[in-house]
Amino acid sequence: MAKILLIEDDALNREMIARRLAWEGHTIVTATNGVDGLSAIEVEQPDLVLMDVGLPVLNGWQTASHIKASKQTSHIPIIALTAYVTSHDYERSLGSGCDDFETKPVNFQRLLGKISLLLSEHAV
């Protein structure tokens, strides 16, 4: 299974999502804001990033842009995870470098499908 970096500032959401993904067999690394997420991605080199966009310090769109701008991390797929559900938010997420978009509350079957698809597309 994959190593997933979950960047989520809400403790309840972070715990729920991390537990469910771990139950599916993934290794989960967490961060609570964009700056800590950027540090974690450099150290952990995850296979995928699942990230809230409404993060403190550095929001998810800014964080995604930094991830995709770095030669060391640009290959890592990112799924934006957000309660922002307008087409503008979707386009902004993809425009910042996210590879996909999932809304809250999380539909885990759909999210797991997206994770599986992105991991297979980005397999080395």
PDB file of N, CA and C in Angstrom:
ATOM      1  N   MET A   1       0.847  -1.182   0.000  1.00  0.00           N
ATOM      2  CA  MET A   1       0.000   0.000   0.000  1.00  0.00           C
ATOM      3  C   MET A   1       0.891   1.245   0.000  1.00  0.00           C
ATOM      4  N   ALA A   2       0.262   2.394   0.013  1.00  0.00           N
ATOM      5  CA  ALA A   2       0.977   3.653  -0.185  1.00  0.00           C
ATOM      6  C   ALA A   2       1.229   4.407   1.121  1.00  0.00           C
ATOM      7  N   LYS A   3       2.224   5.299   1.051  1.00  0.00           N
ATOM      8  CA  LYS A   3       2.433   6.260   2.128  1.00  0.00           C
ATOM      9  C   LYS A   3       1.707   7.529   1.701  1.00  0.00           C
ATOM     10  N   ILE A   4       0.767   7.978   2.527  1.00  0.00           N
ATOM     11  CA  ILE A   4      -0.055   9.149   2.226  1.00  0.00           C
ATOM     12  C   ILE A   4       0.207  10.227   3.260  1.00  0.00           C
ATOM     13  N   LEU A   5       0.493  11.429   2.763  1.00  0.00           N
ATOM     14  CA  LEU A   5       0.606  12.591   3.636  1.00  0.00           C
ATOM     15  C   LEU A   5      -0.758  13.259   3.678  1.00  0.00           C
ATOM     16  N   LEU A   6      -1.350  13.307   4.859  1.00  0.00           N
ATOM     17  CA  LEU A   6      -2.642  13.951   5.084  1.00  0.00           C
ATOM     18  C   LEU A   6      -2.383  15.292   5.757  1.00  0.00           C
ATOM     19  N   ILE A   7      -2.707  16.380   5.055  1.00  0.00           N
ATOM     20  CA  ILE A   7      -2.536  17.722   5.610  1.00  0.00           C
ATOM     21  C   ILE A   7      -3.931  18.254   5.908  1.00  0.00           C
ATOM     22  N   GLU A   8      -4.271  18.294   7.187  1.00  0.00           N
ATOM     23  CA  GLU A   8      -5.623  18.661   7.639  1.00  0.00           C
ATOM     24  C   GLU A   8      -5.515  19.348   8.988  1.00  0.00           C
ATOM     25  N   ASP A   9      -6.098  20.531   9.102  1.00  0.00           N
ATOM     26  CA  ASP A   9      -5.991  21.273  10.356  1.00  0.00           C
ATOM     27  C   ASP A   9      -7.035  20.881  11.389  1.00  0.00           C
ATOM     28  N   ASP A  10      -8.139  20.337  10.972  1.00  0.00           N
ATOM     29  CA  ASP A  10      -9.194  19.944  11.916  1.00  0.00           C
ATOM     30  C   ASP A  10      -8.859  18.573  12.502  1.00  0.00           C
ATOM     31  N   ALA A  11      -8.687  18.530  13.823  1.00  0.00           N
ATOM     32  CA  ALA A  11      -8.252  17.303  14.499  1.00  0.00           C
ATOM     33  C   ALA A  11      -9.213  16.133  14.295  1.00  0.00           C
ATOM     34  N   LEU A  12     -10.506  16.383  14.350  1.00  0.00           N
ATOM     35  CA  LEU A  12     -11.472  15.294  14.169  1.00  0.00           C
ATOM     36  C   LEU A  12     -11.426  14.745  12.751  1.00  0.00           C
ATOM     37  N   ASN A  13     -11.395  15.630  11.768  1.00  0.00           N
ATOM     38  CA  ASN A  13     -11.295  15.177  10.378  1.00  0.00           C
ATOM     39  C   ASN A  13      -9.991  14.423  10.145  1.00  0.00           C
ATOM     40  N   ARG A  14      -8.897  14.967  10.669  1.00  0.00           N
ATOM     41  CA  ARG A  14      -7.593  14.337  10.486  1.00  0.00           C
ATOM     42  C   ARG A  14      -7.584  12.925  11.065  1.00  0.00           C
ATOM     43  N   GLU A  15      -8.109  12.776  12.273  1.00  0.00           N
ATOM     44  CA  GLU A  15      -8.134  11.464  12.927  1.00  0.00           C
ATOM     45  C   GLU A  15      -9.032  10.484  12.175  1.00  0.00           C
ATOM     46  N   MET A  16     -10.218  10.932  11.771  1.00  0.00           N
ATOM     47  CA  MET A  16     -11.155  10.057  11.072  1.00  0.00           C
ATOM     48  C   MET A  16     -10.588   9.592   9.732  1.00  0.00           C
ATOM     49  N   ILE A  17     -10.054  10.518   8.968  1.00  0.00           N
ATOM     50  CA  ILE A  17      -9.521  10.178   7.644  1.00  0.00           C
ATOM     51  C   ILE A  17      -8.283   9.298   7.788  1.00  0.00           C
ATOM     52  N   ALA A  18      -7.398   9.648   8.707  1.00  0.00           N
ATOM     53  CA  ALA A  18      -6.182   8.857   8.915  1.00  0.00           C
ATOM     54  C   ALA A  18      -6.518   7.428   9.328  1.00  0.00           C
ATOM     55  N   ARG A  19      -7.450   7.267  10.236  1.00  0.00           N
ATOM     56  CA  ARG A  19      -7.837   5.912  10.680  1.00  0.00           C
ATOM     57  C   ARG A  19      -8.402   5.092   9.533  1.00  0.00           C
ATOM     58  N   ARG A  20      -9.261   5.713   8.745  1.00  0.00           N
ATOM     59  CA  ARG A  20      -9.887   4.972   7.643  1.00  0.00           C
ATOM     60  C   ARG A  20      -8.849   4.558   6.602  1.00  0.00           C
ATOM     61  N   LEU A  21      -7.934   5.459   6.265  1.00  0.00           N
ATOM     62  CA  LEU A  21      -6.906   5.129   5.282  1.00  0.00           C
ATOM     63  C   LEU A  21      -5.938   4.086   5.832  1.00  0.00           C
ATOM     64  N   ALA A  22      -5.608   4.172   7.112  1.00  0.00           N
ATOM     65  CA  ALA A  22      -4.748   3.160   7.739  1.00  0.00           C
ATOM     66  C   ALA A  22      -5.456   1.812   7.752  1.00  0.00           C
ATOM     67  N   TRP A  23      -6.750   1.817   8.000  1.00  0.00           N
ATOM     68  CA  TRP A  23      -7.535   0.579   7.994  1.00  0.00           C
ATOM     69  C   TRP A  23      -7.475  -0.075   6.617  1.00  0.00           C
ATOM     70  N   GLU A  24      -7.358   0.739   5.571  1.00  0.00           N
ATOM     71  CA  GLU A  24      -7.251   0.222   4.207  1.00  0.00           C
ATOM     72  C   GLU A  24      -5.839  -0.276   3.893  1.00  0.00           C
ATOM     73  N   GLY A  25      -4.897  -0.066   4.831  1.00  0.00           N
ATOM     74  CA  GLY A  25      -3.549  -0.570   4.664  1.00  0.00           C
ATOM     75  C   GLY A  25      -2.501   0.466   4.318  1.00  0.00           C
ATOM     76  N   HIS A  26      -2.890   1.718   4.207  1.00  0.00           N
ATOM     77  CA  HIS A  26      -1.942   2.780   3.879  1.00  0.00           C
ATOM     78  C   HIS A  26      -1.181   3.231   5.126  1.00  0.00           C
ATOM     79  N   THR A  27       0.030   3.711   4.923  1.00  0.00           N
ATOM     80  CA  THR A  27       0.806   4.345   5.973  1.00  0.00           C
ATOM     81  C   THR A  27       0.476   5.827   5.916  1.00  0.00           C
ATOM     82  N   ILE A  28       0.108   6.402   7.055  1.00  0.00           N
ATOM     83  CA  ILE A  28      -0.344   7.790   7.083  1.00  0.00           C
ATOM     84  C   ILE A  28       0.635   8.652   7.869  1.00  0.00           C
ATOM     85  N   VAL A  29       1.011   9.766   7.251  1.00  0.00           N
ATOM     86  CA  VAL A  29       1.810  10.800   7.881  1.00  0.00           C
ATOM     87  C   VAL A  29       0.913  12.031   7.893  1.00  0.00           C
ATOM     88  N   THR A  30       0.913  12.796   8.986  1.00  0.00           N
ATOM     89  CA  THR A  30       0.016  13.944   9.056  1.00  0.00           C
ATOM     90  C   THR A  30       0.766  15.246   9.299  1.00  0.00           C
ATOM     91  N   ALA A  31       0.112  16.317   8.871  1.00  0.00           N
ATOM     92  CA  ALA A  31       0.563  17.682   9.142  1.00  0.00           C
ATOM     93  C   ALA A  31      -0.694  18.524   9.329  1.00  0.00           C
ATOM     94  N   THR A  32      -0.561  19.634  10.063  1.00  0.00           N
ATOM     95  CA  THR A  32      -1.736  20.438  10.392  1.00  0.00           C
ATOM     96  C   THR A  32      -1.813  21.770   9.664  1.00  0.00           C
ATOM     97  N   ASN A  33      -0.789  22.101   8.889  1.00  0.00           N
ATOM     98  CA  ASN A  33      -0.846  23.331   8.087  1.00  0.00           C
ATOM     99  C   ASN A  33       0.079  23.168   6.887  1.00  0.00           C
ATOM    100  N   GLY A  34       0.005  24.125   5.962  1.00  0.00           N
ATOM    101  CA  GLY A  34       0.766  24.009   4.731  1.00  0.00           C
ATOM    102  C   GLY A  34       2.275  24.022   4.916  1.00  0.00           C
ATOM    103  N   VAL A  35       2.760  24.834   5.820  1.00  0.00           N
ATOM    104  CA  VAL A  35       4.208  24.907   6.058  1.00  0.00           C
ATOM    105  C   VAL A  35       4.719  23.577   6.609  1.00  0.00           C
ATOM    106  N   ASP A  36       4.027  23.036   7.600  1.00  0.00           N
ATOM    107  CA  ASP A  36       4.421  21.734   8.148  1.00  0.00           C
ATOM    108  C   ASP A  36       4.275  20.633   7.093  1.00  0.00           C
ATOM    109  N   GLY A  37       3.273  20.775   6.234  1.00  0.00           N
ATOM    110  CA  GLY A  37       3.087  19.818   5.147  1.00  0.00           C
ATOM    111  C   GLY A  37       4.262  19.816   4.186  1.00  0.00           C
ATOM    112  N   LEU A  38       4.758  21.002   3.848  1.00  0.00           N
ATOM    113  CA  LEU A  38       5.922  21.084   2.961  1.00  0.00           C
ATOM    114  C   LEU A  38       7.156  20.454   3.596  1.00  0.00           C
ATOM    115  N   SER A  39       7.325  20.644   4.884  1.00  0.00           N
ATOM    116  CA  SER A  39       8.443  20.006   5.589  1.00  0.00           C
ATOM    117  C   SER A  39       8.285  18.489   5.577  1.00  0.00           C
ATOM    118  N   ALA A  40       7.068  18.029   5.850  1.00  0.00           N
ATOM    119  CA  ALA A  40       6.809  16.583   5.900  1.00  0.00           C
ATOM    120  C   ALA A  40       7.013  15.927   4.541  1.00  0.00           C
ATOM    121  N   ILE A  41       6.622  16.609   3.485  1.00  0.00           N
ATOM    122  CA  ILE A  41       6.770  16.005   2.156  1.00  0.00           C
ATOM    123  C   ILE A  41       8.232  15.827   1.788  1.00  0.00           C
ATOM    124  N   GLU A  42       9.078  16.763   2.203  1.00  0.00           N
ATOM    125  CA  GLU A  42      10.511  16.653   1.931  1.00  0.00           C
ATOM    126  C   GLU A  42      11.130  15.483   2.696  1.00  0.00           C
ATOM    127  N   VAL A  43      10.739  15.316   3.944  1.00  0.00           N
ATOM    128  CA  VAL A  43      11.300  14.262   4.791  1.00  0.00           C
ATOM    129  C   VAL A  43      10.716  12.896   4.448  1.00  0.00           C
ATOM    130  N   GLU A  44       9.406  12.819   4.303  1.00  0.00           N
ATOM    131  CA  GLU A  44       8.708  11.542   4.168  1.00  0.00           C
ATOM    132  C   GLU A  44       8.618  11.008   2.739  1.00  0.00           C
ATOM    133  N   GLN A  45       8.684  11.897   1.743  1.00  0.00           N
ATOM    134  CA  GLN A  45       8.525  11.503   0.340  1.00  0.00           C
ATOM    135  C   GLN A  45       7.317  10.563   0.156  1.00  0.00           C
ATOM    136  N   PRO A  46       6.117  11.068   0.444  1.00  0.00           N
ATOM    137  CA  PRO A  46       4.926  10.223   0.335  1.00  0.00           C
ATOM    138  C   PRO A  46       4.600   9.886  -1.119  1.00  0.00           C
ATOM    139  N   ASP A  47       3.775   8.882  -1.290  1.00  0.00           N
ATOM    140  CA  ASP A  47       3.313   8.489  -2.622  1.00  0.00           C
ATOM    141  C   ASP A  47       2.173   9.377  -3.101  1.00  0.00           C
ATOM    142  N   LEU A  48       1.470  10.018  -2.154  1.00  0.00           N
ATOM    143  CA  LEU A  48       0.309  10.839  -2.476  1.00  0.00           C
ATOM    144  C   LEU A  48       0.071  11.821  -1.336  1.00  0.00           C
ATOM    145  N   VAL A  49      -0.458  12.994  -1.682  1.00  0.00           N
ATOM    146  CA  VAL A  49      -0.830  13.993  -0.679  1.00  0.00           C
ATOM    147  C   VAL A  49      -2.336  14.193  -0.744  1.00  0.00           C
ATOM    148  N   LEU A  50      -2.973  14.117   0.396  1.00  0.00           N
ATOM    149  CA  LEU A  50      -4.396  14.413   0.559  1.00  0.00           C
ATOM    150  C   LEU A  50      -4.451  15.641   1.445  1.00  0.00           C
ATOM    151  N   MET A  51      -5.020  16.749   0.909  1.00  0.00           N
ATOM    152  CA  MET A  51      -4.840  18.016   1.602  1.00  0.00           C
ATOM    153  C   MET A  51      -6.094  18.881   1.593  1.00  0.00           C
ATOM    154  N   ASP A  52      -6.438  19.348   2.785  1.00  0.00           N
ATOM    155  CA  ASP A  52      -7.473  20.363   2.931  1.00  0.00           C
ATOM    156  C   ASP A  52      -6.968  21.627   2.246  1.00  0.00           C
ATOM    157  N   VAL A  53      -7.867  22.421   1.667  1.00  0.00           N
ATOM    158  CA  VAL A  53      -7.404  23.671   1.051  1.00  0.00           C
ATOM    159  C   VAL A  53      -7.534  24.853   1.990  1.00  0.00           C
ATOM    160  N   GLY A  54      -8.394  24.767   3.001  1.00  0.00           N
ATOM    161  CA  GLY A  54      -8.570  25.858   3.952  1.00  0.00           C
ATOM    162  C   GLY A  54      -7.629  25.744   5.130  1.00  0.00           C
ATOM    163  N   LEU A  55      -6.337  25.650   4.856  1.00  0.00           N
ATOM    164  CA  LEU A  55      -5.333  25.458   5.901  1.00  0.00           C
ATOM    165  C   LEU A  55      -4.829  26.788   6.449  1.00  0.00           C
ATOM    166  N   PRO A  56      -4.404  26.790   7.714  1.00  0.00           N
ATOM    167  CA  PRO A  56      -3.750  27.988   8.255  1.00  0.00           C
ATOM    168  C   PRO A  56      -2.295  28.080   7.779  1.00  0.00           C
ATOM    169  N   VAL A  57      -1.717  29.216   7.950  1.00  0.00           N
ATOM    170  CA  VAL A  57      -0.320  29.548   7.659  1.00  0.00           C
ATOM    171  C   VAL A  57      -0.084  29.622   6.146  1.00  0.00           C
ATOM    172  N   LEU A  58      -0.252  28.540   5.452  1.00  0.00           N
ATOM    173  CA  LEU A  58      -0.117  28.464   3.999  1.00  0.00           C
ATOM    174  C   LEU A  58      -1.280  27.598   3.527  1.00  0.00           C
ATOM    175  N   ASN A  59      -2.206  28.177   2.742  1.00  0.00           N
ATOM    176  CA  ASN A  59      -3.399  27.400   2.389  1.00  0.00           C
ATOM    177  C   ASN A  59      -3.060  26.263   1.422  1.00  0.00           C
ATOM    178  N   GLY A  60      -4.014  25.419   1.191  1.00  0.00           N
ATOM    179  CA  GLY A  60      -3.790  24.238   0.361  1.00  0.00           C
ATOM    180  C   GLY A  60      -3.414  24.550  -1.075  1.00  0.00           C
ATOM    181  N   TRP A  61      -4.001  25.601  -1.636  1.00  0.00           N
ATOM    182  CA  TRP A  61      -3.669  25.973  -3.015  1.00  0.00           C
ATOM    183  C   TRP A  61      -2.211  26.436  -3.099  1.00  0.00           C
ATOM    184  N   GLN A  62      -1.787  27.241  -2.124  1.00  0.00           N
ATOM    185  CA  GLN A  62      -0.393  27.697  -2.096  1.00  0.00           C
ATOM    186  C   GLN A  62       0.551  26.523  -1.874  1.00  0.00           C
ATOM    187  N   THR A  63       0.172  25.637  -0.979  1.00  0.00           N
ATOM    188  CA  THR A  63       0.993  24.464  -0.687  1.00  0.00           C
ATOM    189  C   THR A  63       1.134  23.579  -1.918  1.00  0.00           C
ATOM    190  N   ALA A  64       0.022  23.349  -2.625  1.00  0.00           N
ATOM    191  CA  ALA A  64       0.063  22.536  -3.846  1.00  0.00           C
ATOM    192  C   ALA A  64       0.980  23.165  -4.883  1.00  0.00           C
ATOM    193  N   SER A  65       0.917  24.471  -5.025  1.00  0.00           N
ATOM    194  CA  SER A  65       1.792  25.167  -5.980  1.00  0.00           C
ATOM    195  C   SER A  65       3.259  24.958  -5.631  1.00  0.00           C
ATOM    196  N   HIS A  66       3.596  25.025  -4.342  1.00  0.00           N
ATOM    197  CA  HIS A  66       4.980  24.792  -3.903  1.00  0.00           C
ATOM    198  C   HIS A  66       5.413  23.354  -4.183  1.00  0.00           C
ATOM    199  N   ILE A  67       4.530  22.401  -3.923  1.00  0.00           N
ATOM    200  CA  ILE A  67       4.844  20.990  -4.152  1.00  0.00           C
ATOM    201  C   ILE A  67       5.134  20.752  -5.630  1.00  0.00           C
ATOM    202  N   LYS A  68       4.288  21.270  -6.495  1.00  0.00           N
ATOM    203  CA  LYS A  68       4.435  21.038  -7.933  1.00  0.00           C
ATOM    204  C   LYS A  68       5.592  21.834  -8.536  1.00  0.00           C
ATOM    205  N   ALA A  69       6.032  22.903  -7.876  1.00  0.00           N
ATOM    206  CA  ALA A  69       7.141  23.711  -8.386  1.00  0.00           C
ATOM    207  C   ALA A  69       8.508  23.095  -8.077  1.00  0.00           C
ATOM    208  N   SER A  70       8.557  22.179  -7.142  1.00  0.00           N
ATOM    209  CA  SER A  70       9.823  21.556  -6.738  1.00  0.00           C
ATOM    210  C   SER A  70      10.106  20.307  -7.575  1.00  0.00           C
ATOM    211  N   LYS A  71      11.307  20.203  -8.107  1.00  0.00           N
ATOM    212  CA  LYS A  71      11.696  19.019  -8.887  1.00  0.00           C
ATOM    213  C   LYS A  71      11.634  17.750  -8.040  1.00  0.00           C
ATOM    214  N   GLN A  72      11.894  17.881  -6.736  1.00  0.00           N
ATOM    215  CA  GLN A  72      11.907  16.712  -5.859  1.00  0.00           C
ATOM    216  C   GLN A  72      10.504  16.186  -5.543  1.00  0.00           C
ATOM    217  N   THR A  73       9.486  17.041  -5.664  1.00  0.00           N
ATOM    218  CA  THR A  73       8.147  16.630  -5.240  1.00  0.00           C
ATOM    219  C   THR A  73       7.070  16.788  -6.315  1.00  0.00           C
ATOM    220  N   SER A  74       7.414  17.332  -7.469  1.00  0.00           N
ATOM    221  CA  SER A  74       6.400  17.633  -8.491  1.00  0.00           C
ATOM    222  C   SER A  74       5.667  16.395  -9.003  1.00  0.00           C
ATOM    223  N   HIS A  75       6.262  15.238  -8.879  1.00  0.00           N
ATOM    224  CA  HIS A  75       5.655  14.001  -9.360  1.00  0.00           C
ATOM    225  C   HIS A  75       4.594  13.434  -8.411  1.00  0.00           C
ATOM    226  N   ILE A  76       4.523  13.946  -7.202  1.00  0.00           N
ATOM    227  CA  ILE A  76       3.617  13.388  -6.197  1.00  0.00           C
ATOM    228  C   ILE A  76       2.197  13.879  -6.461  1.00  0.00           C
ATOM    229  N   PRO A  77       1.241  12.961  -6.641  1.00  0.00           N
ATOM    230  CA  PRO A  77      -0.144  13.392  -6.877  1.00  0.00           C
ATOM    231  C   PRO A  77      -0.766  13.997  -5.612  1.00  0.00           C
ATOM    232  N   ILE A  78      -1.638  14.971  -5.842  1.00  0.00           N
ATOM    233  CA  ILE A  78      -2.303  15.688  -4.755  1.00  0.00           C
ATOM    234  C   ILE A  78      -3.812  15.635  -4.976  1.00  0.00           C
ATOM    235  N   ILE A  79      -4.529  15.293  -3.922  1.00  0.00           N
ATOM    236  CA  ILE A  79      -5.992  15.386  -3.933  1.00  0.00           C
ATOM    237  C   ILE A  79      -6.386  16.484  -2.968  1.00  0.00           C
ATOM    238  N   ALA A  80      -7.070  17.498  -3.494  1.00  0.00           N
ATOM    239  CA  ALA A  80      -7.617  18.557  -2.642  1.00  0.00           C
ATOM    240  C   ALA A  80      -8.822  17.988  -1.910  1.00  0.00           C
ATOM    241  N   LEU A  81      -8.897  18.255  -0.639  1.00  0.00           N
ATOM    242  CA  LEU A  81      -9.997  17.782   0.200  1.00  0.00           C
ATOM    243  C   LEU A  81     -10.628  19.010   0.834  1.00  0.00           C
ATOM    244  N   THR A  82     -11.894  19.282   0.498  1.00  0.00           N
ATOM    245  CA  THR A  82     -12.456  20.549   0.925  1.00  0.00           C
ATOM    246  C   THR A  82     -13.969  20.561   1.007  1.00  0.00           C
ATOM    247  N   ALA A  83     -14.462  21.470   1.819  1.00  0.00           N
ATOM    248  CA  ALA A  83     -15.901  21.730   1.878  1.00  0.00           C
ATOM    249  C   ALA A  83     -16.289  22.788   0.850  1.00  0.00           C
ATOM    250  N   TYR A  84     -15.284  23.417   0.215  1.00  0.00           N
ATOM    251  CA  TYR A  84     -15.555  24.388  -0.841  1.00  0.00           C
ATOM    252  C   TYR A  84     -15.959  23.605  -2.091  1.00  0.00           C
ATOM    253  N   VAL A  85     -17.178  23.783  -2.556  1.00  0.00           N
ATOM    254  CA  VAL A  85     -17.692  22.883  -3.597  1.00  0.00           C
ATOM    255  C   VAL A  85     -18.100  23.564  -4.904  1.00  0.00           C
ATOM    256  N   THR A  86     -17.745  24.810  -5.099  1.00  0.00           N
ATOM    257  CA  THR A  86     -18.136  25.465  -6.343  1.00  0.00           C
ATOM    258  C   THR A  86     -17.197  25.056  -7.480  1.00  0.00           C
ATOM    259  N   SER A  87     -17.637  25.303  -8.711  1.00  0.00           N
ATOM    260  CA  SER A  87     -16.785  24.992  -9.860  1.00  0.00           C
ATOM    261  C   SER A  87     -15.523  25.848  -9.829  1.00  0.00           C
ATOM    262  N   HIS A  88     -15.626  27.063  -9.282  1.00  0.00           N
ATOM    263  CA  HIS A  88     -14.448  27.921  -9.150  1.00  0.00           C
ATOM    264  C   HIS A  88     -13.415  27.275  -8.217  1.00  0.00           C
ATOM    265  N   ASP A  89     -13.872  26.687  -7.117  1.00  0.00           N
ATOM    266  CA  ASP A  89     -12.964  26.025  -6.179  1.00  0.00           C
ATOM    267  C   ASP A  89     -12.296  24.813  -6.829  1.00  0.00           C
ATOM    268  N   TYR A  90     -13.072  24.069  -7.611  1.00  0.00           N
ATOM    269  CA  TYR A  90     -12.538  22.917  -8.331  1.00  0.00           C
ATOM    270  C   TYR A  90     -11.459  23.370  -9.308  1.00  0.00           C
ATOM    271  N   GLU A  91     -11.764  24.394 -10.094  1.00  0.00           N
ATOM    272  CA  GLU A  91     -10.805  24.904 -11.072  1.00  0.00           C
ATOM    273  C   GLU A  91      -9.567  25.491 -10.388  1.00  0.00           C
ATOM    274  N   ARG A  92      -9.780  26.186  -9.284  1.00  0.00           N
ATOM    275  CA  ARG A  92      -8.649  26.749  -8.539  1.00  0.00           C
ATOM    276  C   ARG A  92      -7.745  25.645  -8.005  1.00  0.00           C
ATOM    277  N   SER A  93      -8.344  24.566  -7.532  1.00  0.00           N
ATOM    278  CA  SER A  93      -7.564  23.441  -7.019  1.00  0.00           C
ATOM    279  C   SER A  93      -6.725  22.808  -8.123  1.00  0.00           C
ATOM    280  N   LEU A  94      -7.341  22.541  -9.253  1.00  0.00           N
ATOM    281  CA  LEU A  94      -6.596  21.947 -10.365  1.00  0.00           C
ATOM    282  C   LEU A  94      -5.549  22.921 -10.892  1.00  0.00           C
ATOM    283  N   GLY A  95      -5.892  24.201 -10.938  1.00  0.00           N
ATOM    284  CA  GLY A  95      -4.957  25.212 -11.410  1.00  0.00           C
ATOM    285  C   GLY A  95      -3.748  25.386 -10.515  1.00  0.00           C
ATOM    286  N   SER A  96      -3.890  25.084  -9.239  1.00  0.00           N
ATOM    287  CA  SER A  96      -2.762  25.216  -8.302  1.00  0.00           C
ATOM    288  C   SER A  96      -1.847  23.996  -8.323  1.00  0.00           C
ATOM    289  N   GLY A  97      -2.275  22.945  -9.009  1.00  0.00           N
ATOM    290  CA  GLY A  97      -1.433  21.755  -9.113  1.00  0.00           C
ATOM    291  C   GLY A  97      -2.048  20.484  -8.567  1.00  0.00           C
ATOM    292  N   CYS A  98      -3.238  20.582  -7.988  1.00  0.00           N
ATOM    293  CA  CYS A  98      -3.890  19.371  -7.485  1.00  0.00           C
ATOM    294  C   CYS A  98      -4.282  18.490  -8.669  1.00  0.00           C
ATOM    295  N   ASP A  99      -4.184  17.189  -8.469  1.00  0.00           N
ATOM    296  CA  ASP A  99      -4.518  16.238  -9.520  1.00  0.00           C
ATOM    297  C   ASP A  99      -5.981  15.825  -9.485  1.00  0.00           C
ATOM    298  N   ASP A 100      -6.623  16.005  -8.337  1.00  0.00           N
ATOM    299  CA  ASP A 100      -8.039  15.678  -8.197  1.00  0.00           C
ATOM    300  C   ASP A 100      -8.601  16.468  -7.033  1.00  0.00           C
ATOM    301  N   PHE A 101      -9.885  16.300  -6.795  1.00  0.00           N
ATOM    302  CA  PHE A 101     -10.645  17.124  -5.868  1.00  0.00           C
ATOM    303  C   PHE A 101     -11.693  16.233  -5.210  1.00  0.00           C
ATOM    304  N   GLU A 102     -11.798  16.284  -3.908  1.00  0.00           N
ATOM    305  CA  GLU A 102     -12.827  15.518  -3.182  1.00  0.00           C
ATOM    306  C   GLU A 102     -13.476  16.435  -2.158  1.00  0.00           C
ATOM    307  N   THR A 103     -14.782  16.356  -2.082  1.00  0.00           N
ATOM    308  CA  THR A 103     -15.517  17.236  -1.177  1.00  0.00           C
ATOM    309  C   THR A 103     -15.759  16.584   0.182  1.00  0.00           C
ATOM    310  N   LYS A 104     -15.946  17.448   1.172  1.00  0.00           N
ATOM    311  CA  LYS A 104     -16.353  17.031   2.507  1.00  0.00           C
ATOM    312  C   LYS A 104     -17.856  17.257   2.606  1.00  0.00           C
ATOM    313  N   PRO A 105     -18.592  16.449   3.309  1.00  0.00           N
ATOM    314  CA  PRO A 105     -18.120  15.254   4.019  1.00  0.00           C
ATOM    315  C   PRO A 105     -17.600  14.210   3.030  1.00  0.00           C
ATOM    316  N   VAL A 106     -16.621  13.474   3.474  1.00  0.00           N
ATOM    317  CA  VAL A 106     -15.899  12.544   2.613  1.00  0.00           C
ATOM    318  C   VAL A 106     -16.745  11.319   2.282  1.00  0.00           C
ATOM    319  N   ASN A 107     -16.825  11.019   0.998  1.00  0.00           N
ATOM    320  CA  ASN A 107     -17.384   9.763   0.523  1.00  0.00           C
ATOM    321  C   ASN A 107     -16.173   8.839   0.359  1.00  0.00           C
ATOM    322  N   PHE A 108     -15.943   7.959   1.324  1.00  0.00           N
ATOM    323  CA  PHE A 108     -14.708   7.185   1.340  1.00  0.00           C
ATOM    324  C   PHE A 108     -14.574   6.239   0.162  1.00  0.00           C
ATOM    325  N   GLN A 109     -15.659   5.675  -0.324  1.00  0.00           N
ATOM    326  CA  GLN A 109     -15.549   4.790  -1.483  1.00  0.00           C
ATOM    327  C   GLN A 109     -15.042   5.562  -2.693  1.00  0.00           C
ATOM    328  N   ARG A 110     -15.585   6.754  -2.904  1.00  0.00           N
ATOM    329  CA  ARG A 110     -15.146   7.582  -4.029  1.00  0.00           C
ATOM    330  C   ARG A 110     -13.693   8.030  -3.818  1.00  0.00           C
ATOM    331  N   LEU A 111     -13.349   8.458  -2.589  1.00  0.00           N
ATOM    332  CA  LEU A 111     -11.992   8.890  -2.295  1.00  0.00           C
ATOM    333  C   LEU A 111     -10.996   7.750  -2.504  1.00  0.00           C
ATOM    334  N   LEU A 112     -11.318   6.572  -2.020  1.00  0.00           N
ATOM    335  CA  LEU A 112     -10.420   5.429  -2.198  1.00  0.00           C
ATOM    336  C   LEU A 112     -10.220   5.105  -3.677  1.00  0.00           C
ATOM    337  N   GLY A 113     -11.272   5.254  -4.472  1.00  0.00           N
ATOM    338  CA  GLY A 113     -11.150   5.053  -5.913  1.00  0.00           C
ATOM    339  C   GLY A 113     -10.205   6.062  -6.543  1.00  0.00           C
ATOM    340  N   LYS A 114     -10.313   7.323  -6.126  1.00  0.00           N
ATOM    341  CA  LYS A 114      -9.426   8.369  -6.652  1.00  0.00           C
ATOM    342  C   LYS A 114      -7.984   8.117  -6.238  1.00  0.00           C
ATOM    343  N   ILE A 115      -7.791   7.726  -4.995  1.00  0.00           N
ATOM    344  CA  ILE A 115      -6.445   7.423  -4.511  1.00  0.00           C
ATOM    345  C   ILE A 115      -5.849   6.280  -5.325  1.00  0.00           C
ATOM    346  N   SER A 116      -6.598   5.224  -5.504  1.00  0.00           N
ATOM    347  CA  SER A 116      -6.124   4.059  -6.253  1.00  0.00           C
ATOM    348  C   SER A 116      -5.778   4.438  -7.692  1.00  0.00           C
ATOM    349  N   LEU A 117      -6.617   5.222  -8.330  1.00  0.00           N
ATOM    350  CA  LEU A 117      -6.378   5.639  -9.709  1.00  0.00           C
ATOM    351  C   LEU A 117      -5.110   6.487  -9.823  1.00  0.00           C
ATOM    352  N   LEU A 118      -4.968   7.470  -8.948  1.00  0.00           N
ATOM    353  CA  LEU A 118      -3.782   8.317  -9.005  1.00  0.00           C
ATOM    354  C   LEU A 118      -2.498   7.545  -8.701  1.00  0.00           C
ATOM    355  N   LEU A 119      -2.562   6.646  -7.745  1.00  0.00           N
ATOM    356  CA  LEU A 119      -1.378   5.851  -7.423  1.00  0.00           C
ATOM    357  C   LEU A 119      -0.978   4.964  -8.603  1.00  0.00           C
ATOM    358  N   SER A 120      -1.961   4.394  -9.295  1.00  0.00           N
ATOM    359  CA  SER A 120      -1.642   3.542 -10.455  1.00  0.00           C
ATOM    360  C   SER A 120      -1.115   4.376 -11.616  1.00  0.00           C
ATOM    361  N   GLU A 121      -1.634   5.595 -11.790  1.00  0.00           N
ATOM    362  CA  GLU A 121      -1.157   6.472 -12.864  1.00  0.00           C
ATOM    363  C   GLU A 121       0.251   6.978 -12.610  1.00  0.00           C
ATOM    364  N   HIS A 122       0.629   7.117 -11.343  1.00  0.00           N
ATOM    365  CA  HIS A 122       1.935   7.671 -10.982  1.00  0.00           C
ATOM    366  C   HIS A 122       2.921   6.600 -10.504  1.00  0.00           C
ATOM    367  N   ALA A 123       2.574   5.341 -10.723  1.00  0.00           N
ATOM    368  CA  ALA A 123       3.460   4.246 -10.298  1.00  0.00           C
ATOM    369  C   ALA A 123       4.781   4.323 -11.040  1.00  0.00           C
ATOM    370  N   VAL A 124       5.832   4.047 -10.307  1.00  0.00           N
ATOM    371  CA  VAL A 124       7.180   4.101 -10.887  1.00  0.00           C
ATOM    372  C   VAL A 124       7.483   2.841 -11.645  1.00  0.00           C
TER     373      VAL A 124
END
